[in-house]
């Protein structure tokens, strides 16, 4: 209210210097992909510490960009190929 009494007319934010911080870059996605390929048993926290970004961003990269989900303690692709499905059937 103080700013409006001083003459401000718009409710939208004013321009700020610099650009907004963004952690979901192609570089970070590639780093997370490589880490998951090397060891699928890492936690989201461990991956976030290695890449030096927050856990929620890592979780979004895993689920939205890399299309993987957690099964037991491994990150695996959501869709199995036909060969992978057959291998699972015959391994039991």
N, C-alpha and C. Protein backbone atom coordinates (compact mmCIF):
# COMPACT_ATOMS: atom_id res chain seq x y z
N UNK A 1 0.82 -1.17 0.00
CA UNK A 1 0.00 0.00 0.00
C UNK A 1 0.87 1.25 0.00
N UNK A 2 2.01 1.14 0.68
CA UNK A 2 2.92 2.28 0.75
C UNK A 2 3.38 2.70 -0.65
N UNK A 3 3.70 1.73 -1.48
CA UNK A 3 4.18 2.04 -2.83
C UNK A 3 3.08 2.69 -3.67
N UNK A 4 1.86 2.27 -3.49
CA UNK A 4 0.76 2.88 -4.24
C UNK A 4 0.51 4.31 -3.77
N UNK A 5 0.65 4.55 -2.48
CA UNK A 5 0.48 5.92 -1.99
C UNK A 5 1.61 6.83 -2.46
N UNK A 6 2.78 6.20 -2.82
CA UNK A 6 3.91 6.98 -3.34
C UNK A 6 3.80 7.22 -4.85
N UNK A 7 2.76 6.66 -5.48
CA UNK A 7 2.56 6.92 -6.90
C UNK A 7 2.60 5.71 -7.80
N UNK A 8 2.85 4.55 -7.29
CA UNK A 8 2.88 3.35 -8.13
C UNK A 8 1.48 3.07 -8.65
N UNK A 9 1.38 2.66 -9.95
CA UNK A 9 0.07 2.43 -10.56
C UNK A 9 -0.16 0.98 -10.97
N UNK A 10 0.92 0.22 -11.20
CA UNK A 10 0.77 -1.16 -11.67
C UNK A 10 0.95 -2.15 -10.53
N UNK A 11 0.25 -3.29 -10.62
CA UNK A 11 0.39 -4.33 -9.60
C UNK A 11 1.39 -5.39 -10.01
N UNK A 12 1.82 -5.39 -11.27
CA UNK A 12 2.79 -6.38 -11.73
C UNK A 12 4.17 -6.03 -11.22
N UNK A 13 5.04 -7.03 -11.15
CA UNK A 13 6.40 -6.80 -10.68
C UNK A 13 7.17 -5.92 -11.66
N UNK A 14 8.08 -5.16 -11.12
CA UNK A 14 8.95 -4.33 -11.95
C UNK A 14 10.07 -5.21 -12.51
N UNK A 15 10.67 -4.77 -13.61
CA UNK A 15 11.78 -5.50 -14.21
C UNK A 15 12.94 -5.55 -13.23
N UNK A 16 13.64 -6.67 -13.21
CA UNK A 16 14.79 -6.84 -12.34
C UNK A 16 16.02 -7.10 -13.18
N UNK A 17 17.16 -6.83 -12.64
CA UNK A 17 18.39 -7.07 -13.39
C UNK A 17 18.70 -8.56 -13.41
N UNK A 18 19.34 -9.00 -14.45
CA UNK A 18 19.71 -10.41 -14.57
C UNK A 18 18.55 -11.26 -15.03
N UNK A 19 18.81 -12.50 -15.22
CA UNK A 19 17.75 -13.41 -15.64
C UNK A 19 17.39 -14.33 -14.49
N UNK A 20 16.19 -14.90 -14.55
CA UNK A 20 15.78 -15.78 -13.46
C UNK A 20 16.64 -17.05 -13.41
N UNK A 21 16.83 -17.54 -12.21
CA UNK A 21 17.62 -18.76 -12.04
C UNK A 21 16.84 -19.95 -12.60
N UNK A 22 17.52 -20.79 -13.35
CA UNK A 22 16.88 -21.97 -13.92
C UNK A 22 17.87 -23.12 -13.86
N UNK A 23 17.47 -24.20 -13.21
CA UNK A 23 18.37 -25.34 -13.04
C UNK A 23 18.10 -26.46 -14.03
N UNK A 24 16.94 -26.46 -14.67
CA UNK A 24 16.62 -27.52 -15.62
C UNK A 24 17.16 -27.19 -16.99
N UNK A 25 18.48 -27.19 -17.11
CA UNK A 25 19.13 -26.90 -18.38
C UNK A 25 19.48 -28.23 -19.05
N UNK A 26 19.79 -28.14 -20.33
CA UNK A 26 20.19 -29.35 -21.07
C UNK A 26 21.45 -29.95 -20.47
N UNK A 27 22.34 -29.10 -19.99
CA UNK A 27 23.58 -29.59 -19.38
C UNK A 27 23.29 -30.40 -18.12
N UNK A 28 22.41 -29.89 -17.26
CA UNK A 28 22.07 -30.61 -16.02
C UNK A 28 21.29 -31.88 -16.32
N UNK A 29 20.43 -31.85 -17.33
CA UNK A 29 19.69 -33.05 -17.72
C UNK A 29 20.67 -34.13 -18.18
N UNK A 30 21.67 -33.72 -18.96
CA UNK A 30 22.68 -34.68 -19.44
C UNK A 30 23.49 -35.25 -18.27
N UNK A 31 23.83 -34.40 -17.30
CA UNK A 31 24.58 -34.88 -16.13
C UNK A 31 23.77 -35.90 -15.34
N UNK A 32 22.47 -35.58 -15.11
CA UNK A 32 21.61 -36.50 -14.35
C UNK A 32 21.46 -37.81 -15.12
N UNK A 33 21.30 -37.74 -16.43
CA UNK A 33 21.17 -38.95 -17.26
C UNK A 33 22.40 -39.83 -17.10
N UNK A 34 23.59 -39.23 -17.16
CA UNK A 34 24.83 -39.98 -17.04
C UNK A 34 24.96 -40.61 -15.66
N UNK A 35 24.62 -39.87 -14.62
CA UNK A 35 24.70 -40.39 -13.25
C UNK A 35 23.77 -41.58 -13.07
N UNK A 36 22.55 -41.48 -13.59
CA UNK A 36 21.58 -42.57 -13.45
C UNK A 36 22.02 -43.79 -14.24
N UNK A 37 22.63 -43.58 -15.41
CA UNK A 37 23.13 -44.71 -16.20
C UNK A 37 24.24 -45.45 -15.48
N UNK A 38 25.08 -44.69 -14.78
CA UNK A 38 26.20 -45.31 -14.07
C UNK A 38 25.75 -46.08 -12.84
N UNK A 39 24.77 -45.53 -12.11
CA UNK A 39 24.31 -46.18 -10.88
C UNK A 39 22.83 -45.86 -10.68
N UNK A 40 21.97 -46.82 -10.91
CA UNK A 40 20.53 -46.60 -10.80
C UNK A 40 20.03 -46.66 -9.36
N UNK A 41 20.88 -46.98 -8.43
CA UNK A 41 20.45 -47.11 -7.04
C UNK A 41 20.69 -45.85 -6.20
N UNK A 42 21.09 -44.78 -6.83
CA UNK A 42 21.30 -43.53 -6.10
C UNK A 42 19.97 -42.88 -5.74
N UNK A 43 19.95 -42.17 -4.65
CA UNK A 43 18.75 -41.44 -4.26
C UNK A 43 18.73 -40.09 -4.97
N UNK A 44 17.55 -39.47 -4.97
CA UNK A 44 17.42 -38.14 -5.56
C UNK A 44 18.34 -37.16 -4.82
N UNK A 45 18.46 -37.33 -3.52
CA UNK A 45 19.34 -36.46 -2.73
C UNK A 45 20.79 -36.61 -3.18
N UNK A 46 21.26 -37.84 -3.40
CA UNK A 46 22.63 -38.06 -3.85
C UNK A 46 22.88 -37.44 -5.21
N UNK A 47 21.93 -37.61 -6.11
CA UNK A 47 22.07 -37.04 -7.45
C UNK A 47 22.11 -35.51 -7.36
N UNK A 48 21.23 -34.94 -6.54
CA UNK A 48 21.18 -33.48 -6.39
C UNK A 48 22.51 -32.95 -5.84
N UNK A 49 23.11 -33.66 -4.91
CA UNK A 49 24.40 -33.24 -4.36
C UNK A 49 25.50 -33.29 -5.41
N UNK A 50 25.48 -34.32 -6.26
CA UNK A 50 26.51 -34.46 -7.29
C UNK A 50 26.40 -33.38 -8.35
N UNK A 51 25.16 -33.05 -8.74
CA UNK A 51 24.94 -32.06 -9.80
C UNK A 51 24.90 -30.64 -9.22
N UNK A 52 24.71 -30.54 -7.92
CA UNK A 52 24.64 -29.26 -7.21
C UNK A 52 23.40 -28.44 -7.59
N UNK A 53 22.25 -29.12 -7.65
CA UNK A 53 20.96 -28.46 -7.83
C UNK A 53 19.99 -29.03 -6.81
N UNK A 54 18.82 -28.41 -6.66
CA UNK A 54 17.90 -28.86 -5.60
C UNK A 54 17.21 -30.17 -5.97
N UNK A 55 16.70 -30.85 -4.95
CA UNK A 55 16.10 -32.18 -5.12
C UNK A 55 14.86 -32.16 -6.01
N UNK A 56 14.03 -31.15 -5.86
CA UNK A 56 12.80 -31.08 -6.65
C UNK A 56 13.12 -30.96 -8.14
N UNK A 57 14.14 -30.22 -8.48
CA UNK A 57 14.55 -30.10 -9.87
C UNK A 57 15.05 -31.45 -10.39
N UNK A 58 15.82 -32.16 -9.58
CA UNK A 58 16.29 -33.49 -9.98
C UNK A 58 15.11 -34.43 -10.17
N UNK A 59 14.14 -34.37 -9.26
CA UNK A 59 12.96 -35.23 -9.39
C UNK A 59 12.20 -34.93 -10.69
N UNK A 60 12.06 -33.67 -11.02
CA UNK A 60 11.37 -33.30 -12.26
C UNK A 60 12.16 -33.73 -13.49
N UNK A 61 13.48 -33.60 -13.44
CA UNK A 61 14.31 -34.05 -14.56
C UNK A 61 14.13 -35.55 -14.76
N UNK A 62 14.15 -36.31 -13.67
CA UNK A 62 14.00 -37.76 -13.77
C UNK A 62 12.65 -38.16 -14.32
N UNK A 63 11.58 -37.56 -13.80
CA UNK A 63 10.24 -38.00 -14.18
C UNK A 63 9.77 -37.39 -15.49
N UNK A 64 10.04 -36.10 -15.72
CA UNK A 64 9.51 -35.42 -16.89
C UNK A 64 10.45 -35.45 -18.09
N UNK A 65 11.73 -35.25 -17.88
CA UNK A 65 12.68 -35.20 -18.99
C UNK A 65 13.22 -36.57 -19.36
N UNK A 66 13.57 -37.38 -18.36
CA UNK A 66 14.16 -38.69 -18.64
C UNK A 66 13.13 -39.81 -18.63
N UNK A 67 11.91 -39.52 -18.20
CA UNK A 67 10.80 -40.47 -18.21
C UNK A 67 11.15 -41.77 -17.48
N UNK A 68 11.68 -41.64 -16.26
CA UNK A 68 11.96 -42.80 -15.43
C UNK A 68 11.15 -42.70 -14.15
N UNK A 69 10.99 -43.81 -13.49
CA UNK A 69 10.29 -43.84 -12.22
C UNK A 69 11.02 -44.78 -11.29
N UNK A 70 10.69 -44.71 -10.01
CA UNK A 70 11.39 -45.53 -9.02
C UNK A 70 10.68 -46.86 -8.85
N UNK A 71 11.43 -47.95 -8.97
CA UNK A 71 10.93 -49.29 -8.71
C UNK A 71 11.88 -49.89 -7.70
N UNK A 72 11.36 -50.19 -6.52
CA UNK A 72 12.20 -50.61 -5.39
C UNK A 72 13.27 -49.56 -5.17
N UNK A 73 14.51 -49.88 -5.45
CA UNK A 73 15.57 -48.90 -5.22
C UNK A 73 16.29 -48.53 -6.51
N UNK A 74 15.66 -48.78 -7.67
CA UNK A 74 16.29 -48.48 -8.94
C UNK A 74 15.43 -47.52 -9.73
N UNK A 75 16.07 -46.66 -10.50
CA UNK A 75 15.36 -45.81 -11.45
C UNK A 75 15.33 -46.57 -12.76
N UNK A 76 14.15 -46.85 -13.29
CA UNK A 76 14.02 -47.63 -14.51
C UNK A 76 13.11 -46.90 -15.49
N UNK A 77 13.25 -47.19 -16.79
CA UNK A 77 12.36 -46.58 -17.77
C UNK A 77 10.92 -47.01 -17.52
N UNK A 78 9.97 -46.12 -17.79
CA UNK A 78 8.56 -46.44 -17.57
C UNK A 78 8.08 -47.52 -18.53
N UNK A 79 8.54 -47.45 -19.76
CA UNK A 79 8.11 -48.40 -20.77
C UNK A 79 9.21 -49.41 -21.06
N UNK A 80 8.90 -50.68 -20.91
CA UNK A 80 9.87 -51.72 -21.25
C UNK A 80 9.71 -52.10 -22.71
N UNK A 81 10.80 -52.45 -23.37
CA UNK A 81 10.73 -52.94 -24.73
C UNK A 81 10.23 -54.38 -24.69
N UNK A 82 9.85 -54.91 -25.83
CA UNK A 82 9.38 -56.30 -25.90
C UNK A 82 10.47 -57.27 -25.46
N UNK A 83 11.70 -56.99 -25.84
CA UNK A 83 12.81 -57.85 -25.43
C UNK A 83 12.98 -57.84 -23.92
N UNK A 84 12.86 -56.67 -23.30
CA UNK A 84 12.98 -56.57 -21.85
C UNK A 84 11.85 -57.32 -21.15
N UNK A 85 10.64 -57.24 -21.70
CA UNK A 85 9.50 -57.95 -21.12
C UNK A 85 9.73 -59.46 -21.18
N UNK A 86 10.22 -59.96 -22.32
CA UNK A 86 10.48 -61.38 -22.45
C UNK A 86 11.59 -61.83 -21.50
N UNK A 87 12.62 -61.03 -21.37
CA UNK A 87 13.70 -61.36 -20.47
C UNK A 87 13.22 -61.48 -19.03
N UNK A 88 12.30 -60.57 -18.64
CA UNK A 88 11.74 -60.62 -17.27
C UNK A 88 10.92 -61.87 -17.06
N UNK A 89 10.17 -62.29 -18.07
CA UNK A 89 9.32 -63.47 -17.95
C UNK A 89 10.18 -64.72 -17.77
N UNK A 90 11.26 -64.84 -18.55
CA UNK A 90 12.08 -66.04 -18.52
C UNK A 90 13.10 -66.05 -17.39
N UNK A 91 13.30 -64.92 -16.71
CA UNK A 91 14.29 -64.90 -15.64
C UNK A 91 13.75 -65.49 -14.34
N UNK A 92 12.45 -65.70 -14.23
CA UNK A 92 11.88 -66.25 -13.00
C UNK A 92 11.73 -67.70 -13.04
